[in-house]
Amino acid sequence: MNGVEDRFQEFDYEWDQRHYQTEMVHLENIQKVPISMFTATDDMTCPYDTASKYIPMIGSETVRIDVPGETHDYFHEDANSEWFMEQLIAQLQIPEATYKASDSETETQ
């Protein structure tokens, strides 16, 4: 997300040399990868309202986890707290029903 241009676009190493807009990233094309996003409610770098605007555009299953009262600095200063790690690990777990279904498929092949 490019907050200055208010658009999802490809990264560019020369962005700060007046090359501000690059090829768009079409969020609706993301359809196979589940996404979990942590959003700090007082973030001015990647504003909470911006996340709220763009997350529904993502084509795949998306979970938003709010980090109340925190700013962007939270993610490089405190994102190793017990609460954060619990949330992160929970998102990395394969749901039991999905896991059992994939086991059954493997057994029949």
PDB file of N, CA and C in Angstrom:
ATOM      1  N   MET A   1       0.847  -1.183   0.000  1.00  0.00           N
ATOM      2  CA  MET A   1       0.000   0.000   0.000  1.00  0.00           C
ATOM      3  C   MET A   1       0.882   1.232   0.000  1.00  0.00           C
ATOM      4  N   ASN A   2       0.635   2.103  -0.922  1.00  0.00           N
ATOM      5  CA  ASN A   2       1.329   3.379  -0.956  1.00  0.00           C
ATOM      6  C   ASN A   2       0.400   4.416  -0.345  1.00  0.00           C
ATOM      7  N   GLY A   3       0.678   4.812   0.891  1.00  0.00           N
ATOM      8  CA  GLY A   3      -0.178   5.751   1.599  1.00  0.00           C
ATOM      9  C   GLY A   3      -0.182   7.141   1.001  1.00  0.00           C
ATOM     10  N   VAL A   4       0.921   7.535   0.391  1.00  0.00           N
ATOM     11  CA  VAL A   4       1.005   8.866  -0.222  1.00  0.00           C
ATOM     12  C   VAL A   4       0.094   8.945  -1.440  1.00  0.00           C
ATOM     13  N   GLU A   5       0.109   7.898  -2.243  1.00  0.00           N
ATOM     14  CA  GLU A   5      -0.708   7.867  -3.462  1.00  0.00           C
ATOM     15  C   GLU A   5      -2.087   7.257  -3.224  1.00  0.00           C
ATOM     16  N   ASP A   6      -2.317   6.682  -2.035  1.00  0.00           N
ATOM     17  CA  ASP A   6      -3.570   6.021  -1.673  1.00  0.00           C
ATOM     18  C   ASP A   6      -3.965   4.962  -2.694  1.00  0.00           C
ATOM     19  N   ARG A   7      -3.034   4.038  -2.927  1.00  0.00           N
ATOM     20  CA  ARG A   7      -3.301   2.948  -3.858  1.00  0.00           C
ATOM     21  C   ARG A   7      -2.356   1.792  -3.585  1.00  0.00           C
ATOM     22  N   PHE A   8      -2.827   0.582  -3.906  1.00  0.00           N
ATOM     23  CA  PHE A   8      -1.981  -0.599  -3.809  1.00  0.00           C
ATOM     24  C   PHE A   8      -1.238  -0.705  -5.127  1.00  0.00           C
ATOM     25  N   GLN A   9       0.083  -0.669  -5.036  1.00  0.00           N
ATOM     26  CA  GLN A   9       0.890  -0.711  -6.243  1.00  0.00           C
ATOM     27  C   GLN A   9       2.181  -1.464  -5.980  1.00  0.00           C
ATOM     28  N   GLU A  10       2.853  -1.856  -7.066  1.00  0.00           N
ATOM     29  CA  GLU A  10       4.116  -2.578  -6.964  1.00  0.00           C
ATOM     30  C   GLU A  10       5.180  -1.695  -6.310  1.00  0.00           C
ATOM     31  N   PHE A  11       6.092  -2.332  -5.584  1.00  0.00           N
ATOM     32  CA  PHE A  11       7.205  -1.635  -4.948  1.00  0.00           C
ATOM     33  C   PHE A  11       8.172  -1.132  -6.010  1.00  0.00           C
ATOM     34  N   ASP A  12       8.795   0.016  -5.758  1.00  0.00           N
ATOM     35  CA  ASP A  12       9.778   0.572  -6.673  1.00  0.00           C
ATOM     36  C   ASP A  12      10.909   1.188  -5.860  1.00  0.00           C
ATOM     37  N   TYR A  13      12.130   0.731  -6.080  1.00  0.00           N
ATOM     38  CA  TYR A  13      13.291   1.264  -5.367  1.00  0.00           C
ATOM     39  C   TYR A  13      13.526   2.738  -5.662  1.00  0.00           C
ATOM     40  N   GLU A  14      13.042   3.229  -6.783  1.00  0.00           N
ATOM     41  CA  GLU A  14      13.239   4.626  -7.162  1.00  0.00           C
ATOM     42  C   GLU A  14      12.037   5.500  -6.810  1.00  0.00           C
ATOM     43  N   TRP A  15      11.151   4.985  -5.947  1.00  0.00           N
ATOM     44  CA  TRP A  15       9.930   5.706  -5.623  1.00  0.00           C
ATOM     45  C   TRP A  15      10.199   7.118  -5.122  1.00  0.00           C
ATOM     46  N   ASP A  16      11.190   7.326  -4.315  1.00  0.00           N
ATOM     47  CA  ASP A  16      11.447   8.639  -3.744  1.00  0.00           C
ATOM     48  C   ASP A  16      12.123   9.596  -4.722  1.00  0.00           C
ATOM     49  N   GLN A  17      12.330   9.175  -5.944  1.00  0.00           N
ATOM     50  CA  GLN A  17      12.941  10.033  -6.966  1.00  0.00           C
ATOM     51  C   GLN A  17      11.887  10.513  -7.961  1.00  0.00           C
ATOM     52  N   ARG A  18      10.722  10.886  -7.424  1.00  0.00           N
ATOM     53  CA  ARG A  18       9.600  11.426  -8.195  1.00  0.00           C
ATOM     54  C   ARG A  18       8.938  10.420  -9.135  1.00  0.00           C
ATOM     55  N   HIS A  19       9.151   9.163  -8.860  1.00  0.00           N
ATOM     56  CA  HIS A  19       8.484   8.103  -9.617  1.00  0.00           C
ATOM     57  C   HIS A  19       7.471   7.491  -8.664  1.00  0.00           C
ATOM     58  N   TYR A  20       6.340   8.178  -8.453  1.00  0.00           N
ATOM     59  CA  TYR A  20       5.423   7.854  -7.366  1.00  0.00           C
ATOM     60  C   TYR A  20       4.382   6.794  -7.677  1.00  0.00           C
ATOM     61  N   GLN A  21       4.037   6.629  -8.935  1.00  0.00           N
ATOM     62  CA  GLN A  21       3.020   5.632  -9.258  1.00  0.00           C
ATOM     63  C   GLN A  21       3.644   4.512 -10.074  1.00  0.00           C
ATOM     64  N   THR A  22       3.373   3.294  -9.640  1.00  0.00           N
ATOM     65  CA  THR A  22       3.860   2.114 -10.333  1.00  0.00           C
ATOM     66  C   THR A  22       2.653   1.258 -10.711  1.00  0.00           C
ATOM     67  N   GLU A  23       2.922   0.083 -11.251  1.00  0.00           N
ATOM     68  CA  GLU A  23       1.830  -0.800 -11.672  1.00  0.00           C
ATOM     69  C   GLU A  23       0.939  -1.156 -10.479  1.00  0.00           C
ATOM     70  N   MET A  24      -0.357  -1.114 -10.699  1.00  0.00           N
ATOM     71  CA  MET A  24      -1.331  -1.416  -9.651  1.00  0.00           C
ATOM     72  C   MET A  24      -1.279  -2.894  -9.264  1.00  0.00           C
ATOM     73  N   VAL A  25      -1.589  -3.158  -8.001  1.00  0.00           N
ATOM     74  CA  VAL A  25      -1.811  -4.509  -7.507  1.00  0.00           C
ATOM     75  C   VAL A  25      -3.323  -4.630  -7.322  1.00  0.00           C
ATOM     76  N   HIS A  26      -3.950  -5.502  -8.056  1.00  0.00           N
ATOM     77  CA  HIS A  26      -5.401  -5.644  -8.009  1.00  0.00           C
ATOM     78  C   HIS A  26      -5.775  -6.639  -6.909  1.00  0.00           C
ATOM     79  N   LEU A  27      -6.254  -6.120  -5.795  1.00  0.00           N
ATOM     80  CA  LEU A  27      -6.540  -6.930  -4.618  1.00  0.00           C
ATOM     81  C   LEU A  27      -7.585  -8.008  -4.885  1.00  0.00           C
ATOM     82  N   GLU A  28      -8.521  -7.738  -5.765  1.00  0.00           N
ATOM     83  CA  GLU A  28      -9.560  -8.718  -6.064  1.00  0.00           C
ATOM     84  C   GLU A  28      -8.986  -9.966  -6.741  1.00  0.00           C
ATOM     85  N   ASN A  29      -7.779  -9.867  -7.287  1.00  0.00           N
ATOM     86  CA  ASN A  29      -7.140 -11.022  -7.919  1.00  0.00           C
ATOM     87  C   ASN A  29      -6.481 -11.961  -6.914  1.00  0.00           C
ATOM     88  N   ILE A  30      -6.357 -11.537  -5.678  1.00  0.00           N
ATOM     89  CA  ILE A  30      -5.811 -12.405  -4.636  1.00  0.00           C
ATOM     90  C   ILE A  30      -6.963 -13.295  -4.188  1.00  0.00           C
ATOM     91  N   GLN A  31      -6.948 -14.559  -4.604  1.00  0.00           N
ATOM     92  CA  GLN A  31      -8.107 -15.403  -4.353  1.00  0.00           C
ATOM     93  C   GLN A  31      -7.799 -16.741  -3.695  1.00  0.00           C
ATOM     94  N   LYS A  32      -6.558 -17.159  -3.636  1.00  0.00           N
ATOM     95  CA  LYS A  32      -6.267 -18.491  -3.118  1.00  0.00           C
ATOM     96  C   LYS A  32      -5.542 -18.485  -1.778  1.00  0.00           C
ATOM     97  N   VAL A  33      -4.982 -17.371  -1.388  1.00  0.00           N
ATOM     98  CA  VAL A  33      -4.177 -17.310  -0.173  1.00  0.00           C
ATOM     99  C   VAL A  33      -4.959 -16.613   0.929  1.00  0.00           C
ATOM    100  N   PRO A  34      -5.235 -17.308   2.032  1.00  0.00           N
ATOM    101  CA  PRO A  34      -5.897 -16.628   3.154  1.00  0.00           C
ATOM    102  C   PRO A  34      -4.944 -15.588   3.748  1.00  0.00           C
ATOM    103  N   ILE A  35      -5.494 -14.468   4.145  1.00  0.00           N
ATOM    104  CA  ILE A  35      -4.685 -13.362   4.647  1.00  0.00           C
ATOM    105  C   ILE A  35      -5.167 -12.951   6.029  1.00  0.00           C
ATOM    106  N   SER A  36      -4.214 -12.732   6.919  1.00  0.00           N
ATOM    107  CA  SER A  36      -4.495 -12.187   8.249  1.00  0.00           C
ATOM    108  C   SER A  36      -3.755 -10.859   8.352  1.00  0.00           C
ATOM    109  N   MET A  37      -4.470  -9.811   8.726  1.00  0.00           N
ATOM    110  CA  MET A  37      -3.864  -8.478   8.820  1.00  0.00           C
ATOM    111  C   MET A  37      -4.039  -7.918  10.223  1.00  0.00           C
ATOM    112  N   PHE A  38      -2.944  -7.471  10.796  1.00  0.00           N
ATOM    113  CA  PHE A  38      -2.994  -6.755  12.064  1.00  0.00           C
ATOM    114  C   PHE A  38      -3.122  -5.274  11.734  1.00  0.00           C
ATOM    115  N   THR A  39      -4.090  -4.606  12.354  1.00  0.00           N
ATOM    116  CA  THR A  39      -4.311  -3.182  12.105  1.00  0.00           C
ATOM    117  C   THR A  39      -4.299  -2.426  13.424  1.00  0.00           C
ATOM    118  N   ALA A  40      -3.352  -1.497  13.545  1.00  0.00           N
ATOM    119  CA  ALA A  40      -3.252  -0.670  14.745  1.00  0.00           C
ATOM    120  C   ALA A  40      -4.247   0.477  14.626  1.00  0.00           C
ATOM    121  N   THR A  41      -5.088   0.649  15.621  1.00  0.00           N
ATOM    122  CA  THR A  41      -6.189   1.614  15.510  1.00  0.00           C
ATOM    123  C   THR A  41      -5.730   3.067  15.499  1.00  0.00           C
ATOM    124  N   ASP A  42      -4.522   3.359  16.016  1.00  0.00           N
ATOM    125  CA  ASP A  42      -4.020   4.743  16.015  1.00  0.00           C
ATOM    126  C   ASP A  42      -2.840   4.932  15.059  1.00  0.00           C
ATOM    127  N   ASP A  43      -2.747   4.082  14.067  1.00  0.00           N
ATOM    128  CA  ASP A  43      -1.647   4.111  13.099  1.00  0.00           C
ATOM    129  C   ASP A  43      -1.850   5.266  12.111  1.00  0.00           C
ATOM    130  N   MET A  44      -0.882   6.156  12.033  1.00  0.00           N
ATOM    131  CA  MET A  44      -0.959   7.268  11.081  1.00  0.00           C
ATOM    132  C   MET A  44      -0.153   6.967   9.817  1.00  0.00           C
ATOM    133  N   THR A  45       0.739   5.971   9.870  1.00  0.00           N
ATOM    134  CA  THR A  45       1.537   5.602   8.704  1.00  0.00           C
ATOM    135  C   THR A  45       0.714   4.756   7.745  1.00  0.00           C
ATOM    136  N   CYS A  46       0.035   3.785   8.269  1.00  0.00           N
ATOM    137  CA  CYS A  46      -0.896   2.953   7.506  1.00  0.00           C
ATOM    138  C   CYS A  46      -2.229   3.037   8.248  1.00  0.00           C
ATOM    139  N   PRO A  47      -2.971   4.097   8.007  1.00  0.00           N
ATOM    140  CA  PRO A  47      -4.163   4.392   8.808  1.00  0.00           C
ATOM    141  C   PRO A  47      -5.201   3.267   8.849  1.00  0.00           C
ATOM    142  N   TYR A  48      -5.781   3.142   9.993  1.00  0.00           N
ATOM    143  CA  TYR A  48      -6.822   2.144  10.249  1.00  0.00           C
ATOM    144  C   TYR A  48      -7.962   2.277   9.231  1.00  0.00           C
ATOM    145  N   ASP A  49      -8.366   3.505   8.944  1.00  0.00           N
ATOM    146  CA  ASP A  49      -9.444   3.721   7.971  1.00  0.00           C
ATOM    147  C   ASP A  49      -9.053   3.239   6.578  1.00  0.00           C
ATOM    148  N   THR A  50      -7.775   3.365   6.238  1.00  0.00           N
ATOM    149  CA  THR A  50      -7.306   2.888   4.936  1.00  0.00           C
ATOM    150  C   THR A  50      -7.409   1.368   4.864  1.00  0.00           C
ATOM    151  N   ALA A  51      -6.979   0.701   5.940  1.00  0.00           N
ATOM    152  CA  ALA A  51      -7.101  -0.762   5.983  1.00  0.00           C
ATOM    153  C   ALA A  51      -8.559  -1.170   5.859  1.00  0.00           C
ATOM    154  N   SER A  52      -9.427  -0.468   6.571  1.00  0.00           N
ATOM    155  CA  SER A  52     -10.865  -0.783   6.523  1.00  0.00           C
ATOM    156  C   SER A  52     -11.427  -0.616   5.122  1.00  0.00           C
ATOM    157  N   LYS A  53     -10.869   0.310   4.382  1.00  0.00           N
ATOM    158  CA  LYS A  53     -11.326   0.579   3.012  1.00  0.00           C
ATOM    159  C   LYS A  53     -10.873  -0.520   2.040  1.00  0.00           C
ATOM    160  N   TYR A  54      -9.630  -0.972   2.188  1.00  0.00           N
ATOM    161  CA  TYR A  54      -9.060  -1.882   1.204  1.00  0.00           C
ATOM    162  C   TYR A  54      -9.234  -3.369   1.518  1.00  0.00           C
ATOM    163  N   ILE A  55      -9.326  -3.748   2.769  1.00  0.00           N
ATOM    164  CA  ILE A  55      -9.434  -5.167   3.112  1.00  0.00           C
ATOM    165  C   ILE A  55     -10.625  -5.846   2.423  1.00  0.00           C
ATOM    166  N   PRO A  56     -11.798  -5.220   2.351  1.00  0.00           N
ATOM    167  CA  PRO A  56     -12.921  -5.888   1.670  1.00  0.00           C
ATOM    168  C   PRO A  56     -12.692  -6.132   0.176  1.00  0.00           C
ATOM    169  N   MET A  57     -11.716  -5.472  -0.409  1.00  0.00           N
ATOM    170  CA  MET A  57     -11.430  -5.658  -1.835  1.00  0.00           C
ATOM    171  C   MET A  57     -10.643  -6.931  -2.119  1.00  0.00           C
ATOM    172  N   ILE A  58     -10.020  -7.501  -1.095  1.00  0.00           N
ATOM    173  CA  ILE A  58      -9.211  -8.702  -1.276  1.00  0.00           C
ATOM    174  C   ILE A  58     -10.134  -9.875  -1.591  1.00  0.00           C
ATOM    175  N   GLY A  59      -9.786 -10.632  -2.627  1.00  0.00           N
ATOM    176  CA  GLY A  59     -10.652 -11.703  -3.105  1.00  0.00           C
ATOM    177  C   GLY A  59     -10.641 -12.960  -2.271  1.00  0.00           C
ATOM    178  N   SER A  60      -9.621 -13.186  -1.467  1.00  0.00           N
ATOM    179  CA  SER A  60      -9.579 -14.403  -0.665  1.00  0.00           C
ATOM    180  C   SER A  60     -10.050 -14.138   0.762  1.00  0.00           C
ATOM    181  N   GLU A  61     -10.163 -15.208   1.530  1.00  0.00           N
ATOM    182  CA  GLU A  61     -10.584 -15.086   2.922  1.00  0.00           C
ATOM    183  C   GLU A  61      -9.601 -14.187   3.668  1.00  0.00           C
ATOM    184  N   THR A  62     -10.133 -13.193   4.375  1.00  0.00           N
ATOM    185  CA  THR A  62      -9.278 -12.238   5.074  1.00  0.00           C
ATOM    186  C   THR A  62      -9.771 -12.037   6.498  1.00  0.00           C
ATOM    187  N   VAL A  63      -8.838 -12.057   7.432  1.00  0.00           N
ATOM    188  CA  VAL A  63      -9.133 -11.815   8.843  1.00  0.00           C
ATOM    189  C   VAL A  63      -8.387 -10.552   9.249  1.00  0.00           C
ATOM    190  N   ARG A  64      -9.087  -9.640   9.877  1.00  0.00           N
ATOM    191  CA  ARG A  64      -8.445  -8.432  10.403  1.00  0.00           C
ATOM    192  C   ARG A  64      -8.406  -8.538  11.910  1.00  0.00           C
ATOM    193  N   ILE A  65      -7.220  -8.317  12.475  1.00  0.00           N
ATOM    194  CA  ILE A  65      -7.035  -8.349  13.920  1.00  0.00           C
ATOM    195  C   ILE A  65      -6.661  -6.946  14.354  1.00  0.00           C
ATOM    196  N   ASP A  66      -7.558  -6.297  15.084  1.00  0.00           N
ATOM    197  CA  ASP A  66      -7.313  -4.935  15.548  1.00  0.00           C
ATOM    198  C   ASP A  66      -6.355  -4.926  16.731  1.00  0.00           C
ATOM    199  N   VAL A  67      -5.459  -3.952  16.723  1.00  0.00           N
ATOM    200  CA  VAL A  67      -4.541  -3.729  17.838  1.00  0.00           C
ATOM    201  C   VAL A  67      -4.947  -2.375  18.425  1.00  0.00           C
ATOM    202  N   PRO A  68      -5.831  -2.387  19.428  1.00  0.00           N
ATOM    203  CA  PRO A  68      -6.420  -1.142  19.939  1.00  0.00           C
ATOM    204  C   PRO A  68      -5.399  -0.214  20.598  1.00  0.00           C
ATOM    205  N   GLY A  69      -5.527   1.077  20.275  1.00  0.00           N
ATOM    206  CA  GLY A  69      -4.730   2.109  20.918  1.00  0.00           C
ATOM    207  C   GLY A  69      -3.270   2.141  20.525  1.00  0.00           C
ATOM    208  N   GLU A  70      -2.889   1.411  19.493  1.00  0.00           N
ATOM    209  CA  GLU A  70      -1.476   1.360  19.105  1.00  0.00           C
ATOM    210  C   GLU A  70      -1.236   2.106  17.791  1.00  0.00           C
ATOM    211  N   THR A  71       0.020   2.508  17.611  1.00  0.00           N
ATOM    212  CA  THR A  71       0.455   3.201  16.397  1.00  0.00           C
ATOM    213  C   THR A  71       1.287   2.245  15.535  1.00  0.00           C
ATOM    214  N   HIS A  72       1.822   2.755  14.453  1.00  0.00           N
ATOM    215  CA  HIS A  72       2.651   1.959  13.547  1.00  0.00           C
ATOM    216  C   HIS A  72       3.900   1.435  14.261  1.00  0.00           C
ATOM    217  N   ASP A  73       4.395   2.193  15.223  1.00  0.00           N
ATOM    218  CA  ASP A  73       5.599   1.784  15.963  1.00  0.00           C
ATOM    219  C   ASP A  73       5.406   0.469  16.703  1.00  0.00           C
ATOM    220  N   TYR A  74       4.187   0.133  17.022  1.00  0.00           N
ATOM    221  CA  TYR A  74       3.905  -1.112  17.722  1.00  0.00           C
ATOM    222  C   TYR A  74       4.537  -2.302  17.010  1.00  0.00           C
ATOM    223  N   PHE A  75       4.496  -2.290  15.693  1.00  0.00           N
ATOM    224  CA  PHE A  75       4.927  -3.450  14.925  1.00  0.00           C
ATOM    225  C   PHE A  75       6.435  -3.653  14.925  1.00  0.00           C
ATOM    226  N   HIS A  76       7.209  -2.641  15.256  1.00  0.00           N
ATOM    227  CA  HIS A  76       8.653  -2.868  15.369  1.00  0.00           C
ATOM    228  C   HIS A  76       9.151  -2.745  16.805  1.00  0.00           C
ATOM    229  N   GLU A  77       8.285  -2.331  17.717  1.00  0.00           N
ATOM    230  CA  GLU A  77       8.700  -2.204  19.116  1.00  0.00           C
ATOM    231  C   GLU A  77       8.087  -3.258  20.027  1.00  0.00           C
ATOM    232  N   ASP A  78       6.812  -3.580  19.837  1.00  0.00           N
ATOM    233  CA  ASP A  78       6.092  -4.423  20.792  1.00  0.00           C
ATOM    234  C   ASP A  78       5.388  -5.629  20.184  1.00  0.00           C
ATOM    235  N   ALA A  79       5.607  -5.874  18.921  1.00  0.00           N
ATOM    236  CA  ALA A  79       4.871  -6.965  18.272  1.00  0.00           C
ATOM    237  C   ALA A  79       5.454  -8.335  18.606  1.00  0.00           C
ATOM    238  N   ASN A  80       6.026  -8.440  19.776  1.00  0.00           N
ATOM    239  CA  ASN A  80       6.470  -9.745  20.266  1.00  0.00           C
ATOM    240  C   ASN A  80       5.852 -10.025  21.636  1.00  0.00           C
ATOM    241  N   SER A  81       4.814  -9.260  21.958  1.00  0.00           N
ATOM    242  CA  SER A  81       4.136  -9.449  23.241  1.00  0.00           C
ATOM    243  C   SER A  81       3.408 -10.794  23.248  1.00  0.00           C
ATOM    244  N   GLU A  82       3.042 -11.237  24.424  1.00  0.00           N
ATOM    245  CA  GLU A  82       2.324 -12.506  24.549  1.00  0.00           C
ATOM    246  C   GLU A  82       1.013 -12.456  23.757  1.00  0.00           C
ATOM    247  N   TRP A  83       0.269 -11.346  23.851  1.00  0.00           N
ATOM    248  CA  TRP A  83      -1.002 -11.205  23.127  1.00  0.00           C
ATOM    249  C   TRP A  83      -0.779 -11.306  21.621  1.00  0.00           C
ATOM    250  N   PHE A  84       0.210 -10.591  21.108  1.00  0.00           N
ATOM    251  CA  PHE A  84       0.479 -10.593  19.671  1.00  0.00           C
ATOM    252  C   PHE A  84       0.844 -12.001  19.205  1.00  0.00           C
ATOM    253  N   MET A  85       1.720 -12.653  19.930  1.00  0.00           N
ATOM    254  CA  MET A  85       2.156 -13.999  19.541  1.00  0.00           C
ATOM    255  C   MET A  85       0.996 -14.997  19.578  1.00  0.00           C
ATOM    256  N   GLU A  86       0.111 -14.877  20.550  1.00  0.00           N
ATOM    257  CA  GLU A  86      -1.064 -15.749  20.600  1.00  0.00           C
ATOM    258  C   GLU A  86      -1.929 -15.556  19.358  1.00  0.00           C
ATOM    259  N   GLN A  87      -2.139 -14.291  18.991  1.00  0.00           N
ATOM    260  CA  GLN A  87      -2.948 -13.996  17.806  1.00  0.00           C
ATOM    261  C   GLN A  87      -2.283 -14.520  16.542  1.00  0.00           C
ATOM    262  N   LEU A  88      -0.988 -14.306  16.437  1.00  0.00           N
ATOM    263  CA  LEU A  88      -0.246 -14.735  15.264  1.00  0.00           C
ATOM    264  C   LEU A  88      -0.267 -16.252  15.124  1.00  0.00           C
ATOM    265  N   ILE A  89       0.023 -16.960  16.192  1.00  0.00           N
ATOM    266  CA  ILE A  89       0.033 -18.420  16.158  1.00  0.00           C
ATOM    267  C   ILE A  89      -1.347 -18.972  15.818  1.00  0.00           C
ATOM    268  N   ALA A  90      -2.390 -18.348  16.362  1.00  0.00           N
ATOM    269  CA  ALA A  90      -3.752 -18.799  16.050  1.00  0.00           C
ATOM    270  C   ALA A  90      -4.039 -18.687  14.551  1.00  0.00           C
ATOM    271  N   GLN A  91      -3.509 -17.665  13.911  1.00  0.00           N
ATOM    272  CA  GLN A  91      -3.728 -17.485  12.479  1.00  0.00           C
ATOM    273  C   GLN A  91      -2.916 -18.463  11.637  1.00  0.00           C
ATOM    274  N   LEU A  92      -1.833 -18.961  12.182  1.00  0.00           N
ATOM    275  CA  LEU A  92      -0.975 -19.887  11.452  1.00  0.00           C
ATOM    276  C   LEU A  92      -1.424 -21.338  11.566  1.00  0.00           C
ATOM    277  N   GLN A  93      -2.374 -21.620  12.434  1.00  0.00           N
ATOM    278  CA  GLN A  93      -2.866 -22.976  12.632  1.00  0.00           C
ATOM    279  C   GLN A  93      -3.798 -23.366  11.497  1.00  0.00           C
ATOM    280  N   ILE A  94      -3.698 -24.615  11.064  1.00  0.00           N
ATOM    281  CA  ILE A  94      -4.634 -25.140  10.077  1.00  0.00           C
ATOM    282  C   ILE A  94      -5.896 -25.541  10.829  1.00  0.00           C
ATOM    283  N   PRO A  95      -7.062 -25.043  10.406  1.00  0.00           N
ATOM    284  CA  PRO A  95      -8.295 -25.451  11.088  1.00  0.00           C
ATOM    285  C   PRO A  95      -8.422 -26.971  11.078  1.00  0.00           C
ATOM    286  N   GLU A  96      -8.859 -27.535  12.194  1.00  0.00           N
ATOM    287  CA  GLU A  96      -8.924 -28.989  12.340  1.00  0.00           C
ATOM    288  C   GLU A  96      -9.766 -29.641  11.249  1.00  0.00           C
ATOM    289  N   ALA A  97     -10.895 -29.053  10.901  1.00  0.00           N
ATOM    290  CA  ALA A  97     -11.763 -29.634   9.876  1.00  0.00           C
ATOM    291  C   ALA A  97     -11.036 -29.692   8.528  1.00  0.00           C
ATOM    292  N   THR A  98     -10.288 -28.659   8.201  1.00  0.00           N
ATOM    293  CA  THR A  98      -9.528 -28.634   6.943  1.00  0.00           C
ATOM    294  C   THR A  98      -8.442 -29.684   6.974  1.00  0.00           C
ATOM    295  N   TYR A  99      -7.771 -29.790   8.109  1.00  0.00           N
ATOM    296  CA  TYR A  99      -6.684 -30.754   8.256  1.00  0.00           C
ATOM    297  C   TYR A  99      -7.200 -32.175   8.087  1.00  0.00           C
ATOM    298  N   LYS A 100      -8.328 -32.500   8.720  1.00  0.00           N
ATOM    299  CA  LYS A 100      -8.898 -33.838   8.608  1.00  0.00           C
ATOM    300  C   LYS A 100      -9.350 -34.134   7.182  1.00  0.00           C
ATOM    301  N   ALA A 101      -9.913 -33.131   6.503  1.00  0.00           N
ATOM    302  CA  ALA A 101     -10.355 -33.326   5.108  1.00  0.00           C
ATOM    303  C   ALA A 101      -9.158 -33.611   4.208  1.00  0.00           C
ATOM    304  N   SER A 102      -8.061 -32.914   4.393  1.00  0.00           N
ATOM    305  CA  SER A 102      -6.902 -33.144   3.539  1.00  0.00           C
ATOM    306  C   SER A 102      -6.261 -34.485   3.849  1.00  0.00           C
ATOM    307  N   ASP A 103      -6.324 -34.952   5.101  1.00  0.00           N
ATOM    308  CA  ASP A 103      -5.829 -36.293   5.438  1.00  0.00           C
ATOM    309  C   ASP A 103      -6.630 -37.356   4.699  1.00  0.00           C
ATOM    310  N   SER A 104      -7.944 -37.197   4.656  1.00  0.00           N
ATOM    311  CA  SER A 104      -8.818 -38.158   3.988  1.00  0.00           C
ATOM    312  C   SER A 104      -8.514 -38.197   2.501  1.00  0.00           C
ATOM    313  N   GLU A 105      -8.267 -37.040   1.903  1.00  0.00           N
ATOM    314  CA  GLU A 105      -7.955 -36.976   0.475  1.00  0.00           C
ATOM    315  C   GLU A 105      -6.640 -37.681   0.189  1.00  0.00           C
ATOM    316  N   THR A 106      -5.654 -37.515   1.053  1.00  0.00           N
ATOM    317  CA  THR A 106      -4.346 -38.150   0.866  1.00  0.00           C
ATOM    318  C   THR A 106      -4.482 -39.661   0.951  1.00  0.00           C
ATOM    319  N   GLU A 107      -5.304 -40.161   1.871  1.00  0.00           N
ATOM    320  CA  GLU A 107      -5.474 -41.592   2.054  1.00  0.00           C
ATOM    321  C   GLU A 107      -6.123 -42.249   0.839  1.00  0.00           C
ATOM    322  N   THR A 108      -6.984 -41.527   0.136  1.00  0.00           N
ATOM    323  CA  THR A 108      -7.700 -42.118  -1.003  1.00  0.00           C
ATOM    324  C   THR A 108      -6.887 -42.064  -2.284  1.00  0.00           C
ATOM    325  N   GLN A 109      -5.788 -41.353  -2.272  1.00  0.00           N
ATOM    326  CA  GLN A 109      -4.999 -41.217  -3.511  1.00  0.00           C
ATOM    327  C   GLN A 109      -3.987 -42.313  -3.665  1.00  0.00           C
TER     328      GLN A 109
END
